[in-house]
C-alpha atoms as a PDB file:
ATOM      1  CA  UNK A   1      -0.118  -0.164  -0.194  1.00  0.00           C
ATOM      2  CA  UNK A   2       1.206   3.599  -0.639  1.00  0.00           C
ATOM      3  CA  UNK A   3       1.195   5.743   2.305  1.00  0.00           C
ATOM      4  CA  UNK A   4       1.831   9.457   2.385  1.00  0.00           C
ATOM      5  CA  UNK A   5       2.828  10.564   5.738  1.00  0.00           C
ATOM      6  CA  UNK A   6       2.053  14.186   6.511  1.00  0.00           C
ATOM      7  CA  UNK A   7       4.954  15.099   9.326  1.00  0.00           C
ATOM      8  CA  UNK A   8       7.589  13.301  10.463  1.00  0.00           C
ATOM      9  CA  UNK A   9       7.218  13.781  14.016  1.00  0.00           C
ATOM     10  CA  UNK A  10       6.692  10.841  16.668  1.00  0.00           C
ATOM     11  CA  UNK A  11       3.711   9.962  15.593  1.00  0.00           C
ATOM     12  CA  UNK A  12       4.470  10.003  11.883  1.00  0.00           C
ATOM     13  CA  UNK A  13       8.035   8.650  12.244  1.00  0.00           C
ATOM     14  CA  UNK A  14       6.983   6.118  14.490  1.00  0.00           C
ATOM     15  CA  UNK A  15       4.070   4.570  12.162  1.00  0.00           C
ATOM     16  CA  UNK A  16       6.014   5.363   8.855  1.00  0.00           C
ATOM     17  CA  UNK A  17       9.215   2.989  10.432  1.00  0.00           C
ATOM     18  CA  UNK A  18       6.574   0.323  11.295  1.00  0.00           C
ATOM     19  CA  UNK A  19       4.428   0.473   8.421  1.00  0.00           C
ATOM     20  CA  UNK A  20       7.539   0.461   6.079  1.00  0.00           C
ATOM     21  CA  UNK A  21       8.944  -2.580   7.890  1.00  0.00           C
ATOM     22  CA  UNK A  22       5.199  -4.845   7.063  1.00  0.00           C
ATOM     23  CA  UNK A  23       5.708  -3.920   3.663  1.00  0.00           C
ATOM     24  CA  UNK A  24       4.192  -0.827   2.558  1.00  0.00           C
ATOM     25  CA  UNK A  25       5.609   2.161   0.305  1.00  0.00           C
ATOM     26  CA  UNK A  26       5.975   5.364   2.472  1.00  0.00           C
ATOM     27  CA  UNK A  27       6.675   9.035   1.720  1.00  0.00           C
ATOM     28  CA  UNK A  28       6.948  11.010   4.116  1.00  0.00           C
ATOM     29  CA  UNK A  29       5.858  14.888   3.375  1.00  0.00           C
ATOM     30  CA  UNK A  30       7.780  17.694   5.052  1.00  0.00           C
ATOM     31  CA  UNK A  31       8.392  21.520   5.096  1.00  0.00           C
ATOM     32  CA  UNK A  32      12.238  20.816   4.303  1.00  0.00           C
ATOM     33  CA  UNK A  33      13.188  17.692   3.068  1.00  0.00           C
ATOM     34  CA  UNK A  34      16.316  18.214   2.537  1.00  0.00           C
ATOM     35  CA  UNK A  35      16.896  18.783   6.000  1.00  0.00           C
ATOM     36  CA  UNK A  36      19.224  16.438   8.256  1.00  0.00           C
ATOM     37  CA  UNK A  37      17.142  16.045  10.679  1.00  0.00           C
ATOM     38  CA  UNK A  38      15.050  13.270   8.544  1.00  0.00           C
ATOM     39  CA  UNK A  39      18.201  11.155   7.561  1.00  0.00           C
ATOM     40  CA  UNK A  40      16.785   8.655  10.533  1.00  0.00           C
ATOM     41  CA  UNK A  41      13.758   8.476   8.197  1.00  0.00           C
ATOM     42  CA  UNK A  42      15.047   7.959   4.707  1.00  0.00           C
ATOM     43  CA  UNK A  43      15.726   4.181   5.232  1.00  0.00           C
ATOM     44  CA  UNK A  44      11.742   3.527   6.002  1.00  0.00           C
ATOM     45  CA  UNK A  45      10.887   5.873   3.023  1.00  0.00           C
ATOM     46  CA  UNK A  46      11.480   8.869   0.502  1.00  0.00           C
ATOM     47  CA  UNK A  47      11.607  12.322   2.240  1.00  0.00           C
ATOM     48  CA  UNK A  48       9.591  14.920   0.256  1.00  0.00           C
ATOM     49  CA  UNK A  49       7.437  17.959   0.163  1.00  0.00           C
ATOM     50  CA  UNK A  50       4.140  17.807   1.747  1.00  0.00           C
ATOM     51  CA  UNK A  51       2.693  18.308  -1.625  1.00  0.00           C
ATOM     52  CA  UNK A  52       4.745  15.190  -3.184  1.00  0.00           C
ATOM     53  CA  UNK A  53       3.191  13.137  -0.230  1.00  0.00           C
ATOM     54  CA  UNK A  54      -0.177  13.516  -0.239  1.00  0.00           C
ATOM     55  CA  UNK A  55      -0.645  12.849  -4.368  1.00  0.00           C
ATOM     56  CA  UNK A  56       1.816   9.716  -3.656  1.00  0.00           C
ATOM     57  CA  UNK A  57      -0.291   8.118  -1.149  1.00  0.00           C
ATOM     58  CA  UNK A  58      -3.599   6.126  -1.623  1.00  0.00           C
ATOM     59  CA  UNK A  59      -3.492   6.784   2.181  1.00  0.00           C
ATOM     60  CA  UNK A  60      -2.636  10.181   3.622  1.00  0.00           C
ATOM     61  CA  UNK A  61      -1.986   9.870   7.450  1.00  0.00           C
ATOM     62  CA  UNK A  62      -2.140  13.511   9.152  1.00  0.00           C
ATOM     63  CA  UNK A  63       0.467  13.517  12.218  1.00  0.00           C
ATOM     64  CA  UNK A  64       0.756  17.431  11.886  1.00  0.00           C
ATOM     65  CA  UNK A  65      -0.422  19.883  14.256  1.00  0.00           C
ATOM     66  CA  UNK A  66      -4.021  20.444  14.190  1.00  0.00           C
ATOM     67  CA  UNK A  67      -3.836  23.676  13.802  1.00  0.00           C
ATOM     68  CA  UNK A  68      -2.172  23.075  10.149  1.00  0.00           C
ATOM     69  CA  UNK A  69      -4.883  20.793   8.919  1.00  0.00           C
ATOM     70  CA  UNK A  70      -7.224  23.326   7.570  1.00  0.00           C
ATOM     71  CA  UNK A  71      -4.166  24.742   5.368  1.00  0.00           C
ATOM     72  CA  UNK A  72      -3.128  21.703   4.385  1.00  0.00           C
ATOM     73  CA  UNK A  73      -6.530  20.345   2.713  1.00  0.00           C
ATOM     74  CA  UNK A  74      -7.029  23.601   1.230  1.00  0.00           C
ATOM     75  CA  UNK A  75      -3.769  23.201  -0.497  1.00  0.00           C
ATOM     76  CA  UNK A  76      -3.788  19.850  -1.752  1.00  0.00           C
ATOM     77  CA  UNK A  77      -7.397  19.276  -2.106  1.00  0.00           C
ATOM     78  CA  UNK A  78      -7.219  17.782  -5.356  1.00  0.00           C
ATOM     79  CA  UNK A  79      -4.720  15.642  -4.631  1.00  0.00           C
ATOM     80  CA  UNK A  80      -6.552  14.029  -1.804  1.00  0.00           C
ATOM     81  CA  UNK A  81      -9.640  13.644  -3.590  1.00  0.00           C
ATOM     82  CA  UNK A  82     -11.160   9.990  -3.604  1.00  0.00           C
ATOM     83  CA  UNK A  83      -8.306   8.947  -1.092  1.00  0.00           C
ATOM     84  CA  UNK A  84      -8.444   7.336   2.925  1.00  0.00           C
ATOM     85  CA  UNK A  85      -7.393   9.764   5.003  1.00  0.00           C
ATOM     86  CA  UNK A  86      -6.592   9.271   8.513  1.00  0.00           C
ATOM     87  CA  UNK A  87      -6.857  12.372  11.108  1.00  0.00           C
ATOM     88  CA  UNK A  88      -4.121  11.680  13.575  1.00  0.00           C
ATOM     89  CA  UNK A  89      -3.905  15.077  14.664  1.00  0.00           C
ATOM     90  CA  UNK A  90      -5.461  16.648  17.810  1.00  0.00           C
ATOM     91  CA  UNK A  91      -6.516  20.292  18.420  1.00  0.00           C
ATOM     92  CA  UNK A  92      -5.225  20.288  21.799  1.00  0.00           C
ATOM     93  CA  UNK A  93      -6.968  22.945  23.720  1.00  0.00           C
ATOM     94  CA  UNK A  94     -10.051  23.061  21.043  1.00  0.00           C
ATOM     95  CA  UNK A  95     -13.413  22.253  21.983  1.00  0.00           C
ATOM     96  CA  UNK A  96     -13.034  19.798  18.913  1.00  0.00           C
ATOM     97  CA  UNK A  97     -10.314  18.001  18.529  1.00  0.00           C
ATOM     98  CA  UNK A  98     -10.450  16.088  15.295  1.00  0.00           C
ATOM     99  CA  UNK A  99     -10.258  17.754  11.932  1.00  0.00           C
ATOM    100  CA  UNK A 100     -12.871  15.470  10.654  1.00  0.00           C
ATOM    101  CA  UNK A 101     -15.274  18.580   9.608  1.00  0.00           C
ATOM    102  CA  UNK A 102     -12.262  20.461   8.076  1.00  0.00           C
ATOM    103  CA  UNK A 103     -11.727  17.919   5.940  1.00  0.00           C
ATOM    104  CA  UNK A 104     -15.080  16.944   4.864  1.00  0.00           C
ATOM    105  CA  UNK A 105     -15.501  20.610   4.103  1.00  0.00           C
ATOM    106  CA  UNK A 106     -12.419  20.562   1.468  1.00  0.00           C
ATOM    107  CA  UNK A 107     -12.281  17.059   0.407  1.00  0.00           C
ATOM    108  CA  UNK A 108     -15.789  15.879   0.255  1.00  0.00           C
ATOM    109  CA  UNK A 109     -14.988  12.690  -1.907  1.00  0.00           C
ATOM    110  CA  UNK A 110     -12.415  11.313   0.355  1.00  0.00           C
ATOM    111  CA  UNK A 111     -12.641   8.343   2.947  1.00  0.00           C
ATOM    112  CA  UNK A 112     -12.447   9.631   6.304  1.00  0.00           C
ATOM    113  CA  UNK A 113     -11.011   7.978   9.393  1.00  0.00           C
ATOM    114  CA  UNK A 114     -10.247   9.099  12.738  1.00  0.00           C
ATOM    115  CA  UNK A 115      -7.573   6.887  14.475  1.00  0.00           C
ATOM    116  CA  UNK A 116      -3.795   6.820  16.057  1.00  0.00           C
ATOM    117  CA  UNK A 117      -4.797   9.821  17.903  1.00  0.00           C
ATOM    118  CA  UNK A 118      -5.930   8.354  21.749  1.00  0.00           C
ATOM    119  CA  UNK A 119      -2.501   6.588  22.292  1.00  0.00           C
ATOM    120  CA  UNK A 120       1.390   8.444  22.068  1.00  0.00           C
ATOM    121  CA  UNK A 121       3.756   7.023  20.181  1.00  0.00           C
ATOM    122  CA  UNK A 122       5.782   4.850  22.530  1.00  0.00           C
ATOM    123  CA  UNK A 123       2.002   2.458  22.162  1.00  0.00           C
ATOM    124  CA  UNK A 124       3.194   2.192  18.285  1.00  0.00           C
ATOM    125  CA  UNK A 125       6.394   1.466  18.875  1.00  0.00           C
ATOM    126  CA  UNK A 126       5.608  -1.215  21.345  1.00  0.00           C
ATOM    127  CA  UNK A 127       2.089  -2.393  20.920  1.00  0.00           C
ATOM    128  CA  UNK A 128       1.715  -4.470  24.438  1.00  0.00           C
ATOM    129  CA  UNK A 129       1.689  -3.483  27.718  1.00  0.00           C
ATOM    130  CA  UNK A 130       2.432  -6.166  30.333  1.00  0.00           C
ATOM    131  CA  UNK A 131       1.826  -8.532  27.655  1.00  0.00           C
ATOM    132  CA  UNK A 132      -1.690  -7.390  26.935  1.00  0.00           C
ATOM    133  CA  UNK A 133      -1.951  -6.137  23.102  1.00  0.00           C
ATOM    134  CA  UNK A 134      -3.297  -2.799  23.244  1.00  0.00           C
ATOM    135  CA  UNK A 135      -6.267  -2.200  21.777  1.00  0.00           C
ATOM    136  CA  UNK A 136      -6.936   1.023  19.263  1.00  0.00           C
ATOM    137  CA  UNK A 137     -10.227   2.570  18.795  1.00  0.00           C
ATOM    138  CA  UNK A 138     -11.027   4.376  15.971  1.00  0.00           C
ATOM    139  CA  UNK A 139     -14.086   5.406  13.714  1.00  0.00           C
ATOM    140  CA  UNK A 140     -14.619   6.083  10.127  1.00  0.00           C
ATOM    141  CA  UNK A 141     -16.071   5.685   7.341  1.00  0.00           C
ATOM    142  CA  UNK A 142     -17.494   2.250   6.174  1.00  0.00           C
ATOM    143  CA  UNK A 143     -15.387   2.317   2.719  1.00  0.00           C
ATOM    144  CA  UNK A 144     -12.319   2.731   4.551  1.00  0.00           C
ATOM    145  CA  UNK A 145     -12.943   0.403   7.068  1.00  0.00           C
ATOM    146  CA  UNK A 146     -11.212  -2.604   5.530  1.00  0.00           C
ATOM    147  CA  UNK A 147      -8.032  -0.116   5.037  1.00  0.00           C
ATOM    148  CA  UNK A 148      -8.225   1.636   8.502  1.00  0.00           C
ATOM    149  CA  UNK A 149      -7.778  -2.302   9.821  1.00  0.00           C
ATOM    150  CA  UNK A 150      -5.200  -3.368   8.159  1.00  0.00           C
ATOM    151  CA  UNK A 151      -3.040  -0.674   8.968  1.00  0.00           C
ATOM    152  CA  UNK A 152      -4.407  -0.832  12.614  1.00  0.00           C
ATOM    153  CA  UNK A 153      -2.978  -4.848  12.863  1.00  0.00           C
ATOM    154  CA  UNK A 154       0.359  -3.816  10.819  1.00  0.00           C
ATOM    155  CA  UNK A 155       1.556  -1.871  13.832  1.00  0.00           C
ATOM    156  CA  UNK A 156       0.664  -4.650  16.183  1.00  0.00           C
ATOM    157  CA  UNK A 157      -2.724  -3.119  17.661  1.00  0.00           C
ATOM    158  CA  UNK A 158      -6.248  -4.543  17.645  1.00  0.00           C
ATOM    159  CA  UNK A 159      -8.586  -2.287  16.162  1.00  0.00           C
ATOM    160  CA  UNK A 160     -11.736  -1.795  17.812  1.00  0.00           C
ATOM    161  CA  UNK A 161     -14.686   0.403  15.487  1.00  0.00           C
ATOM    162  CA  UNK A 162     -16.790   2.412  17.600  1.00  0.00           C
ATOM    163  CA  UNK A 163     -18.501   3.746  14.469  1.00  0.00           C
ATOM    164  CA  UNK A 164     -18.853   6.145  11.597  1.00  0.00           C
ATOM    165  CA  UNK A 165     -17.397   9.509  11.613  1.00  0.00           C
ATOM    166  CA  UNK A 166     -20.201  11.085  13.601  1.00  0.00           C
ATOM    167  CA  UNK A 167     -18.715   9.464  16.602  1.00  0.00           C
ATOM    168  CA  UNK A 168     -15.257  11.101  16.370  1.00  0.00           C
ATOM    169  CA  UNK A 169     -16.227  13.457  19.791  1.00  0.00           C
ATOM    170  CA  UNK A 170     -16.666  10.369  21.831  1.00  0.00           C
ATOM    171  CA  UNK A 171     -13.167   8.960  20.493  1.00  0.00           C
ATOM    172  CA  UNK A 172     -11.812  12.755  21.315  1.00  0.00           C
ATOM    173  CA  UNK A 173     -13.136  12.023  24.939  1.00  0.00           C
ATOM    174  CA  UNK A 174     -10.720   9.023  24.930  1.00  0.00           C
ATOM    175  CA  UNK A 175      -7.830  11.125  24.193  1.00  0.00           C
ATOM    176  CA  UNK A 176      -8.624  13.371  27.070  1.00  0.00           C
ATOM    177  CA  UNK A 177      -8.433  10.545  28.920  1.00  0.00           C
ATOM    178  CA  UNK A 178      -5.301   9.341  27.490  1.00  0.00           C
ATOM    179  CA  UNK A 179      -4.009  12.986  28.332  1.00  0.00           C
ATOM    180  CA  UNK A 180      -5.365  13.230  31.906  1.00  0.00           C
ATOM    181  CA  UNK A 181      -3.446   9.872  32.910  1.00  0.00           C
ATOM    182  CA  UNK A 182      -0.184  11.087  31.315  1.00  0.00           C
ATOM    183  CA  UNK A 183      -0.269  14.333  31.875  1.00  0.00           C
ATOM    184  CA  UNK A 184      -2.450  14.632  35.187  1.00  0.00           C
ATOM    185  CA  UNK A 185      -1.349  11.917  37.170  1.00  0.00           C
ATOM    186  CA  UNK A 186       1.695  10.873  35.528  1.00  0.00           C
ATOM    187  CA  UNK A 187       1.404   7.293  34.483  1.00  0.00           C
ATOM    188  CA  UNK A 188       4.036   7.646  32.183  1.00  0.00           C
ATOM    189  CA  UNK A 189       3.480   7.445  28.585  1.00  0.00           C
ATOM    190  CA  UNK A 190       3.303   3.876  27.655  1.00  0.00           C
ATOM    191  CA  UNK A 191      -0.438   3.711  28.834  1.00  0.00           C
ATOM    192  CA  UNK A 192      -2.970   2.118  26.613  1.00  0.00           C
ATOM    193  CA  UNK A 193      -6.724   1.177  26.465  1.00  0.00           C
ATOM    194  CA  UNK A 194      -8.555  -2.580  26.352  1.00  0.00           C
ATOM    195  CA  UNK A 195     -11.614  -3.335  25.601  1.00  0.00           C
ATOM    196  CA  UNK A 196     -13.717  -6.388  27.325  1.00  0.00           C
ATOM    197  CA  UNK A 197     -16.369  -8.091  26.371  1.00  0.00           C
ATOM    198  CA  UNK A 198     -18.486 -10.624  28.208  1.00  0.00           C
ATOM    199  CA  UNK A 199     -18.710 -13.601  25.804  1.00  0.00           C
ATOM    200  CA  UNK A 200     -20.923 -15.780  28.062  1.00  0.00           C
END
């Protein structure tokens, strides 16, 4: 699968490395692709401009600051049309943390997914806690569900679908819980969630 990753920080860099190891083609989109600070990523994929990465991917992961999503979507709307867009960006401090409404406004034909937003990057690098597989809760368009679940499993996480894009606010609530545990109670950053279901 061709994946364009917009942003190459901890989230984008970690997911890009893991997906590359799983056999996917990766292109990282950054403002200064020639910068030496991205050299550690070049073994996982090409480091290019933001526009090139957006055009490259059949799937585009947004791992940039939430405040930059609207500008990115507006400038790359043609390249993004019809693609699966995974919104992992958080509008920290805002009432609405997700960017799905913004993306739909600019790229109405895209298949939208909200995922990789409710956990820290450490959980993507090491998808188990105490020997237990971490669950990744996500939401999004049904048409993108198979793709999203494959990519979540390729990271080593168990995908838990909570519903369509209309459930994004509930998912944002999990992000706030993670922040509260990590920053409010100093639980460390390798903190995750597990869904337990009584099968009886």
